[in-house]
Amino acid sequence: MSSDDVPIHPKRRANPEQGFLYVGDKRLKKLQKLAWDANWWPERKKNGIMWLAPDQSGQVMLHGSASDHHAYDNALAEFRKAGLEV
């Protein structure tokens, strides 16, 4: 598979200097790193980060304070539903 066959979000292709962004604790950071490595695009929003799928078929909103003890499980489910292979 060539690098042209790997789906990359258009905003990520247009902004190659953009660095890795994340919110939450270290478990959420690892999950977001998986999304970043799968060429998802993070966008800062007022209350957190919106992760956009590389094929533009899904999105996941993660909030800055993950005080809920279900936050990781919910984020994992949302990423899977949006197409991230975890």
C-alpha atoms as a PDB file:
ATOM      1  CA  MET A   1       0.000   0.000   0.000  1.00  0.00           C
ATOM      2  CA  SER A   2       1.464   3.332  -1.030  1.00  0.00           C
ATOM      3  CA  SER A   3       1.219   6.449   1.067  1.00  0.00           C
ATOM      4  CA  ASP A   4      -1.368   7.784  -1.423  1.00  0.00           C
ATOM      5  CA  ASP A   5      -3.729   4.892  -0.536  1.00  0.00           C
ATOM      6  CA  VAL A   6      -3.797   5.742   3.189  1.00  0.00           C
ATOM      7  CA  PRO A   7      -6.776   8.005   3.975  1.00  0.00           C
ATOM      8  CA  ILE A   8      -5.693  11.293   5.513  1.00  0.00           C
ATOM      9  CA  HIS A   9      -8.137  13.977   6.586  1.00  0.00           C
ATOM     10  CA  PRO A  10      -7.903  16.918   4.123  1.00  0.00           C
ATOM     11  CA  LYS A  11      -7.197  19.398   6.929  1.00  0.00           C
ATOM     12  CA  ARG A  12      -4.318  17.234   8.138  1.00  0.00           C
ATOM     13  CA  ARG A  13      -2.897  17.079   4.614  1.00  0.00           C
ATOM     14  CA  ALA A  14      -3.211  20.886   4.354  1.00  0.00           C
ATOM     15  CA  ASN A  15      -1.581  21.477   7.781  1.00  0.00           C
ATOM     16  CA  PRO A  16       1.364  19.061   8.086  1.00  0.00           C
ATOM     17  CA  GLU A  17       2.970  21.202  10.811  1.00  0.00           C
ATOM     18  CA  GLN A  18       0.034  20.622  13.193  1.00  0.00           C
ATOM     19  CA  GLY A  19       1.136  18.676  16.249  1.00  0.00           C
ATOM     20  CA  PHE A  20      -0.636  16.087  18.365  1.00  0.00           C
ATOM     21  CA  LEU A  21      -3.415  17.522  20.568  1.00  0.00           C
ATOM     22  CA  TYR A  22      -5.164  15.751  23.424  1.00  0.00           C
ATOM     23  CA  VAL A  23      -7.425  16.272  26.419  1.00  0.00           C
ATOM     24  CA  GLY A  24      -8.017  14.237  29.552  1.00  0.00           C
ATOM     25  CA  ASP A  25      -5.942  11.729  31.480  1.00  0.00           C
ATOM     26  CA  LYS A  26      -3.188   9.357  30.304  1.00  0.00           C
ATOM     27  CA  ARG A  27      -5.652   6.636  29.246  1.00  0.00           C
ATOM     28  CA  LEU A  28      -7.526   9.095  27.036  1.00  0.00           C
ATOM     29  CA  LYS A  29      -4.198  10.395  25.732  1.00  0.00           C
ATOM     30  CA  LYS A  30      -3.240   6.881  24.559  1.00  0.00           C
ATOM     31  CA  LEU A  31      -6.590   6.500  22.817  1.00  0.00           C
ATOM     32  CA  GLN A  32      -6.190   9.866  21.119  1.00  0.00           C
ATOM     33  CA  LYS A  33      -2.652   8.920  20.069  1.00  0.00           C
ATOM     34  CA  LEU A  34      -4.131   5.868  18.297  1.00  0.00           C
ATOM     35  CA  ALA A  35      -6.523   8.189  16.453  1.00  0.00           C
ATOM     36  CA  TRP A  36      -3.648  10.527  15.555  1.00  0.00           C
ATOM     37  CA  ASP A  37      -1.577   7.617  14.242  1.00  0.00           C
ATOM     38  CA  ALA A  38      -4.590   6.532  12.144  1.00  0.00           C
ATOM     39  CA  ASN A  39      -4.551  10.012  10.492  1.00  0.00           C
ATOM     40  CA  TRP A  40      -7.551  11.453  12.326  1.00  0.00           C
ATOM     41  CA  TRP A  41      -7.657  15.270  12.625  1.00  0.00           C
ATOM     42  CA  PRO A  42      -8.047  17.029  16.013  1.00  0.00           C
ATOM     43  CA  GLU A  43      -9.800  20.404  16.144  1.00  0.00           C
ATOM     44  CA  ARG A  44      -9.893  22.515  19.277  1.00  0.00           C
ATOM     45  CA  LYS A  45     -13.404  23.506  20.252  1.00  0.00           C
ATOM     46  CA  LYS A  46     -14.725  25.608  23.137  1.00  0.00           C
ATOM     47  CA  ASN A  47     -15.100  22.621  25.499  1.00  0.00           C
ATOM     48  CA  GLY A  48     -12.531  20.123  24.250  1.00  0.00           C
ATOM     49  CA  ILE A  49     -11.282  18.516  21.055  1.00  0.00           C
ATOM     50  CA  MET A  50     -13.303  17.220  18.125  1.00  0.00           C
ATOM     51  CA  TRP A  51     -11.599  14.283  16.376  1.00  0.00           C
ATOM     52  CA  LEU A  52     -12.516  13.955  12.684  1.00  0.00           C
ATOM     53  CA  ALA A  53     -12.151  10.661  10.817  1.00  0.00           C
ATOM     54  CA  PRO A  54      -9.718  10.616   7.878  1.00  0.00           C
ATOM     55  CA  ASP A  55     -12.475   9.571   5.443  1.00  0.00           C
ATOM     56  CA  GLN A  56     -14.788  12.265   6.889  1.00  0.00           C
ATOM     57  CA  SER A  57     -17.328   9.600   7.880  1.00  0.00           C
ATOM     58  CA  GLY A  58     -17.282  10.154  11.626  1.00  0.00           C
ATOM     59  CA  GLN A  59     -16.361  12.461  14.472  1.00  0.00           C
ATOM     60  CA  VAL A  60     -15.781  12.137  18.198  1.00  0.00           C
ATOM     61  CA  MET A  61     -16.009  14.981  20.728  1.00  0.00           C
ATOM     62  CA  LEU A  62     -13.830  14.671  23.825  1.00  0.00           C
ATOM     63  CA  HIS A  63     -14.230  17.192  26.631  1.00  0.00           C
ATOM     64  CA  GLY A  64     -11.412  18.782  28.597  1.00  0.00           C
ATOM     65  CA  SER A  65     -12.358  17.449  32.003  1.00  0.00           C
ATOM     66  CA  ALA A  66     -13.081  13.755  32.034  1.00  0.00           C
ATOM     67  CA  SER A  67     -14.272  13.560  35.630  1.00  0.00           C
ATOM     68  CA  ASP A  68     -16.744  10.785  34.853  1.00  0.00           C
ATOM     69  CA  HIS A  69     -15.252   7.349  35.537  1.00  0.00           C
ATOM     70  CA  HIS A  70     -16.933   6.121  32.335  1.00  0.00           C
ATOM     71  CA  ALA A  71     -15.157   8.711  30.153  1.00  0.00           C
ATOM     72  CA  TYR A  72     -12.544   6.313  28.751  1.00  0.00           C
ATOM     73  CA  ASP A  73     -15.055   3.548  27.985  1.00  0.00           C
ATOM     74  CA  ASN A  74     -17.429   6.036  26.357  1.00  0.00           C
ATOM     75  CA  ALA A  75     -14.632   7.569  24.268  1.00  0.00           C
ATOM     76  CA  LEU A  76     -13.470   4.115  23.186  1.00  0.00           C
ATOM     77  CA  ALA A  77     -17.015   3.199  22.118  1.00  0.00           C
ATOM     78  CA  GLU A  78     -17.418   6.474  20.209  1.00  0.00           C
ATOM     79  CA  PHE A  79     -14.109   6.036  18.367  1.00  0.00           C
ATOM     80  CA  ARG A  80     -15.044   2.451  17.429  1.00  0.00           C
ATOM     81  CA  LYS A  81     -18.483   3.565  16.243  1.00  0.00           C
ATOM     82  CA  ALA A  82     -16.823   6.269  14.110  1.00  0.00           C
ATOM     83  CA  GLY A  83     -14.543   3.714  12.455  1.00  0.00           C
ATOM     84  CA  LEU A  84     -11.288   3.681  14.439  1.00  0.00           C
ATOM     85  CA  GLU A  85      -9.859   0.179  14.754  1.00  0.00           C
ATOM     86  CA  VAL A  86      -8.741  -0.163  18.378  1.00  0.00           C
END
